[in-house]
Amino acid sequence: MKLRQILRKNAVFTFTVLIIILGTAYYLWLHRKPYTQNAFTVANVRPVKALVPGYITDIWVKNNQVVKKGDKLFKVYREPYRLAVEKLENQILAAKIKVRELFHEIEVEKHQIQKTKYELANTEYLSGLATRLAATSAIAKKEAEIKYTQWQAKKEALIIAKENLEVTKATYEHELAIIKVLTSELNIAKINLDFTIIYARTDGTITNMFLTVGNYVKPGETLFALIDTSQWWIQANFKETELSAIGPGQKAKIWLWQYPGKTFHGIVTDTGWGVNRIRTNERFGLYEVQKENEWFLLPQRFPVQIRITDPDPKYPLHPGGSAFVQVDIPAYTIRHAFWTFFQI
């Protein structure tokens, strides 16, 4: 009876204590496993860019459209790139004709060298014969000198023929090298021609697209984004007091603010190796020491990557959406609380 009277007289105090007890119990129950509200959805976002310069002639998608891998997105004006391919093909054809012509020239010059060798052997024989006859006064010395001069001329003609053959061979090799260069340029031109049509590289959703036919685009210029919807992750930023117990392969439960009451499931794939706490004054270049609370030291948070294993088409996900995450392992909340408040 006395206890009831005391409680009635101190109803406000009693209610406050009860609320504190219930709140503490709820907090301990909620954090019996590693739990964080500092989490959000993550997906691979592929910037869609033009690969060759030109103005856009066709657009096959619109903003927020769902696409499949391999779907056409847009096309850059193709005619200059098609003509570049055609020009190089014709240049290669002309070079190949030149190569065939040089090949036949080489064969002709080889035969010419062989002919000159025969003629050289004949003039050498006649010159020797004339020299011997002139020595016996059978013929005039002048005639012997003429035969000798003819022999020397044939020797020079053979040298010239051989040099001409080497020049033709060098020209032949040069034309072959030109064909290789033109072939490489043709392959690049064909690639550029293919690059005039941009395809979806993965299943996903088009977003932030404000593009019209006639826009001039440059290579590397981001035009819009393609969100890869084939896989989804959660980046959950856990306190470092809980990080030692979290590792790859552990199961997790995920709740999104966007879908109250819906529970997603995931698996921890990785934990962040480190975060940046270094600050430097931009003006003086000096290190800035961040002020800490001298009574309670707040634990640092580290990112933990969790892959969602059961995405549901009925509940479409959005990159950056807020989430709650609980990892299915003991959290040792009381132990960490004592360590936080009573460390020295």
Foldseek 3Di string as FASTA:
>chain_A
DVVVVVCVVPVVVVVVVVVVVVVVVVVCVVVQFFKDQQKFKDFDKDFDAQAAWAFWAFADDDAFDWDAFFAWGTFGDQVVLVVQLVVLVVVLVVLVVVLVVLVVVLVVLVVVLVVLVVVLVVLVVVLVVLVVCVVVVVDPVVVSVVSVVSNVVSVVVSVVSVVVSVVSVVVSVVSVVVSVVSVVVSVVSVVSSVSRIDTHRHTFTWHPADDDGGDIHHGPDGRTMTTHPPWMKMWGWTFPLQVVVDDFFFKKWKDFPVDPPDIWIWTWHDWAPDDDDWDADPVPRHTDDDDADPQFGGTGITIIMIITDDDDPVDDGDGGTGMMMGTPDGRPVVVVVCCRRPPD
